[in-house]
Amino acid sequence: MNGAGARPRPLSRWLREHRAAVALGTAATLLVAYAAGATVVAVDRSDEARAAQAQVADTSGELGSTRDELDFALARAEAAEGRMEDAEAAATTRQAELDERESGLDQREQDVTDREKAVSKTEQKIEERRINEGVWTVGTDVEAGTYRTTESVAGDCYWAIYRSGTNQDDIVQNDIVTGGRPSVTLRDGQDFETNRCGTWDKQ
């Protein structure tokens, strides 16, 4: 019995061993039969001797036929082994191709994930440096710095800068713009109001 995981003995090897055993048995039988036949012939040419010789001939023919059958079976077993080895090699190659493809897909997925993270960070930075419609406190809601409208304004764009904590009573600067891309400079401690101007991007 083979140990755990041991590969079974190939059929072709078994057939070769079986064929060798049959050949040895055949040779021994023929020698014994020949010796017996020779003794009988030496004594006389009786019917019993002739029957023994005939039996030897029949046995030799049967053994020859058996040998041909074994040769045919051996050839088929070897062909089957060859096909099985080819199939195993093809399966190994296919598995290697699948492993390589899976590795490539994993790498592509990681690349996409990395790009998405980079885009998200870029969008976040843009959003952090952008002012939308409303009233904002500089240094708290938005960063200090110079801002300019993203696109040219149309209609009446109103913006104003107030001193923080004055409830918009202390106006530092304001303007109504009807075209172009206006810009403002904001400092900490100020409030900034923008209406109908679109978005402002930090420069």
Protein backbone atom coordinates (compact mmCIF):
# COMPACT_ATOMS: atom_id res chain seq x y z
CA MET A 1 0.00 0.00 0.00
CA ASN A 2 1.30 3.47 -0.90
CA GLY A 3 1.75 6.10 1.80
CA ALA A 4 -0.53 9.09 2.05
CA GLY A 5 -0.14 11.27 -1.06
CA ALA A 6 1.98 8.65 -2.94
CA ARG A 7 1.26 8.40 -6.65
CA PRO A 8 -0.21 5.01 -7.80
CA ARG A 9 2.11 2.78 -9.84
CA PRO A 10 1.63 3.55 -13.59
CA LEU A 11 -0.41 0.96 -15.52
CA SER A 12 2.34 0.56 -18.12
CA ARG A 13 4.85 -0.45 -15.43
CA TRP A 14 2.42 -3.04 -14.06
CA LEU A 15 1.87 -4.44 -17.53
CA ARG A 16 5.63 -4.71 -18.13
CA GLU A 17 6.11 -6.58 -14.84
CA HIS A 18 3.12 -8.83 -15.58
CA ARG A 19 4.41 -9.51 -19.07
CA ALA A 20 7.83 -10.45 -17.71
CA ALA A 21 6.25 -12.87 -15.22
CA VAL A 22 4.15 -14.47 -17.94
CA ALA A 23 7.21 -14.80 -20.19
CA LEU A 24 9.17 -16.54 -17.43
CA GLY A 25 6.27 -18.87 -16.73
CA THR A 26 5.95 -19.61 -20.43
CA ALA A 27 9.62 -20.43 -20.75
CA ALA A 28 9.51 -22.72 -17.74
CA THR A 29 6.39 -24.49 -19.05
CA LEU A 30 7.90 -24.95 -22.50
CA LEU A 31 11.13 -26.37 -21.05
CA VAL A 32 9.25 -28.82 -18.85
CA ALA A 33 6.93 -29.78 -21.65
CA TYR A 34 9.81 -30.14 -24.10
CA ALA A 35 11.75 -32.30 -21.67
CA ALA A 36 8.72 -34.47 -21.07
CA GLY A 37 8.03 -34.73 -24.76
CA ALA A 38 11.63 -35.59 -25.52
CA THR A 39 11.58 -38.38 -22.91
CA VAL A 40 8.37 -39.85 -24.27
CA VAL A 41 9.68 -39.75 -27.83
CA ALA A 42 12.87 -41.45 -26.73
CA VAL A 43 10.84 -44.29 -25.16
CA ASP A 44 8.32 -44.70 -27.92
CA ARG A 45 6.05 -42.85 -30.32
CA SER A 46 2.88 -43.60 -28.48
CA ASP A 47 -0.35 -41.67 -28.79
CA GLU A 48 0.26 -40.20 -25.35
CA ALA A 49 3.52 -38.60 -26.52
CA ARG A 50 1.89 -37.17 -29.60
CA ALA A 51 -0.96 -35.78 -27.47
CA ALA A 52 1.57 -34.17 -25.14
CA GLN A 53 3.35 -32.59 -28.10
CA ALA A 54 0.06 -31.31 -29.45
CA GLN A 55 -0.79 -29.85 -26.04
CA VAL A 56 2.61 -28.13 -25.96
CA ALA A 57 1.95 -26.64 -29.39
CA ASP A 58 -1.49 -25.43 -28.32
CA THR A 59 -0.07 -23.95 -25.15
CA SER A 60 2.67 -22.20 -27.13
CA GLY A 61 0.06 -20.72 -29.47
CA GLU A 62 -2.07 -19.54 -26.57
CA LEU A 63 0.94 -17.99 -24.90
CA GLY A 64 1.88 -16.24 -28.14
CA SER A 65 -1.64 -14.84 -28.40
CA THR A 66 -1.50 -13.75 -24.75
CA ARG A 67 1.83 -12.06 -25.42
CA ASP A 68 0.33 -10.14 -28.36
CA GLU A 69 -2.59 -9.06 -26.18
CA LEU A 70 -0.18 -7.87 -23.49
CA ASP A 71 1.85 -5.95 -26.09
CA PHE A 72 -1.32 -4.25 -27.32
CA ALA A 73 -2.45 -3.45 -23.77
CA LEU A 74 1.00 -2.09 -22.94
CA ALA A 75 0.96 0.17 -26.01
CA ARG A 76 -2.49 1.49 -25.05
CA ALA A 77 -1.40 2.08 -21.45
CA GLU A 78 1.68 4.00 -22.60
CA ALA A 79 -0.45 6.09 -24.96
CA ALA A 80 -2.91 6.81 -22.13
CA GLU A 81 -0.03 7.81 -19.85
CA GLY A 82 1.26 10.17 -22.52
CA ARG A 83 -2.16 11.79 -22.92
CA MET A 84 -2.51 12.12 -19.16
CA GLU A 85 0.91 13.78 -18.85
CA ASP A 86 0.02 16.17 -21.70
CA ALA A 87 -3.26 17.01 -19.96
CA GLU A 88 -1.45 17.64 -16.65
CA ALA A 89 1.08 19.90 -18.39
CA ALA A 90 -1.72 21.82 -20.13
CA ALA A 91 -3.60 22.19 -16.82
CA THR A 92 -0.44 23.48 -15.11
CA THR A 93 0.14 26.00 -17.89
CA ARG A 94 -3.49 27.14 -17.76
CA GLN A 95 -3.34 27.56 -13.98
CA ALA A 96 -0.18 29.65 -14.31
CA GLU A 97 -1.93 31.85 -16.89
CA LEU A 98 -4.95 32.26 -14.61
CA ASP A 99 -2.72 33.12 -11.64
CA GLU A 100 -0.89 35.73 -13.73
CA ARG A 101 -4.17 37.18 -14.98
CA GLU A 102 -5.59 37.33 -11.45
CA SER A 103 -2.43 39.08 -10.25
CA GLY A 104 -2.79 41.60 -13.09
CA LEU A 105 -6.43 42.24 -12.20
CA ASP A 106 -5.51 42.76 -8.56
CA GLN A 107 -2.87 45.28 -9.60
CA ARG A 108 -5.32 47.12 -11.87
CA GLU A 109 -7.89 47.23 -9.09
CA GLN A 110 -5.28 48.65 -6.72
CA ASP A 111 -4.29 51.24 -9.33
CA VAL A 112 -7.93 52.31 -9.73
CA THR A 113 -8.32 52.56 -5.95
CA ASP A 114 -5.16 54.68 -5.70
CA ARG A 115 -6.36 56.99 -8.48
CA GLU A 116 -9.76 57.39 -6.81
CA LYS A 117 -8.06 58.32 -3.54
CA ALA A 118 -5.85 60.84 -5.34
CA VAL A 119 -8.87 62.38 -7.11
CA SER A 120 -10.79 62.53 -3.82
CA LYS A 121 -7.91 64.30 -2.12
CA THR A 122 -7.62 66.76 -5.01
CA GLU A 123 -11.36 67.46 -4.94
CA GLN A 124 -11.23 67.92 -1.17
CA LYS A 125 -8.37 70.41 -1.46
CA ILE A 126 -10.25 72.32 -4.16
CA GLU A 127 -13.38 72.39 -2.01
CA GLU A 128 -11.40 73.60 1.00
CA ARG A 129 -10.04 76.49 -1.12
CA ARG A 130 -13.44 77.46 -2.58
CA ILE A 131 -16.13 79.84 -1.28
CA ASN A 132 -19.78 79.34 -2.23
CA GLU A 133 -22.79 81.65 -1.86
CA GLY A 134 -23.47 82.83 1.69
CA VAL A 135 -21.74 84.54 4.63
CA TRP A 136 -18.49 83.09 5.93
CA THR A 137 -16.09 83.86 8.78
CA VAL A 138 -12.47 84.05 7.62
CA GLY A 139 -10.14 81.84 9.67
CA THR A 140 -13.06 79.65 10.79
CA ASP A 141 -15.18 78.81 7.76
CA VAL A 142 -12.71 79.75 5.04
CA GLU A 143 -8.98 80.37 4.80
CA ALA A 144 -7.51 83.84 4.61
CA GLY A 145 -6.08 84.82 1.22
CA THR A 146 -6.97 86.20 -2.17
CA TYR A 147 -9.99 84.75 -3.96
CA ARG A 148 -11.33 85.17 -7.48
CA THR A 149 -14.62 84.09 -9.02
CA THR A 150 -14.41 80.79 -10.84
CA GLU A 151 -16.25 82.17 -13.85
CA SER A 152 -17.20 85.59 -15.16
CA VAL A 153 -20.19 86.98 -13.31
CA ALA A 154 -23.46 87.87 -15.01
CA GLY A 155 -26.08 90.25 -13.66
CA ASP A 156 -25.59 91.93 -10.30
CA CYS A 157 -22.88 90.21 -8.23
CA TYR A 158 -22.72 91.64 -4.71
CA TRP A 159 -19.91 90.94 -2.28
CA ALA A 160 -18.97 92.55 1.03
CA ILE A 161 -16.30 92.23 3.72
CA TYR A 162 -17.30 93.03 7.32
CA ARG A 163 -15.43 93.18 10.57
CA SER A 164 -16.31 90.01 12.48
CA GLY A 165 -18.62 90.40 15.49
CA THR A 166 -20.31 93.62 14.25
CA ASN A 167 -23.39 91.89 12.85
CA GLN A 168 -22.39 93.21 9.38
CA ASP A 169 -22.62 96.84 10.57
CA ASP A 170 -18.89 97.55 10.11
CA ILE A 171 -18.30 97.25 6.36
CA VAL A 172 -14.63 97.03 5.41
CA GLN A 173 -15.25 96.85 1.67
CA ASN A 174 -18.07 95.91 -0.75
CA ASP A 175 -18.98 96.11 -4.41
CA ILE A 176 -21.60 95.31 -7.02
CA VAL A 177 -20.08 93.76 -10.14
CA THR A 178 -21.87 93.23 -13.44
CA GLY A 179 -19.14 91.45 -15.41
CA GLY A 180 -15.65 90.01 -15.43
CA ARG A 181 -14.05 87.99 -12.67
CA PRO A 182 -13.72 90.08 -9.52
CA SER A 183 -11.24 89.25 -6.76
CA VAL A 184 -11.09 89.94 -3.02
CA THR A 185 -8.45 89.66 -0.30
CA LEU A 186 -9.68 88.24 3.00
CA ARG A 187 -8.01 88.34 6.42
CA ASP A 188 -8.64 86.59 9.71
CA GLY A 189 -11.22 88.42 11.85
CA GLN A 190 -13.42 89.30 8.87
CA ASP A 191 -16.74 88.04 7.54
CA PHE A 192 -17.27 87.64 3.80
CA GLU A 193 -20.66 87.80 2.08
CA THR A 194 -21.23 86.81 -1.56
CA ASN A 195 -24.51 86.83 -3.52
CA ARG A 196 -25.10 85.96 -7.16
CA CYS A 197 -21.36 85.77 -7.82
CA GLY A 198 -21.02 82.00 -8.17
CA THR A 199 -18.02 80.35 -6.53
CA TRP A 200 -14.72 81.91 -5.54
CA ASP A 201 -11.41 80.02 -5.78
CA LYS A 202 -8.35 80.78 -3.71
CA GLN A 203 -5.47 82.02 -5.82
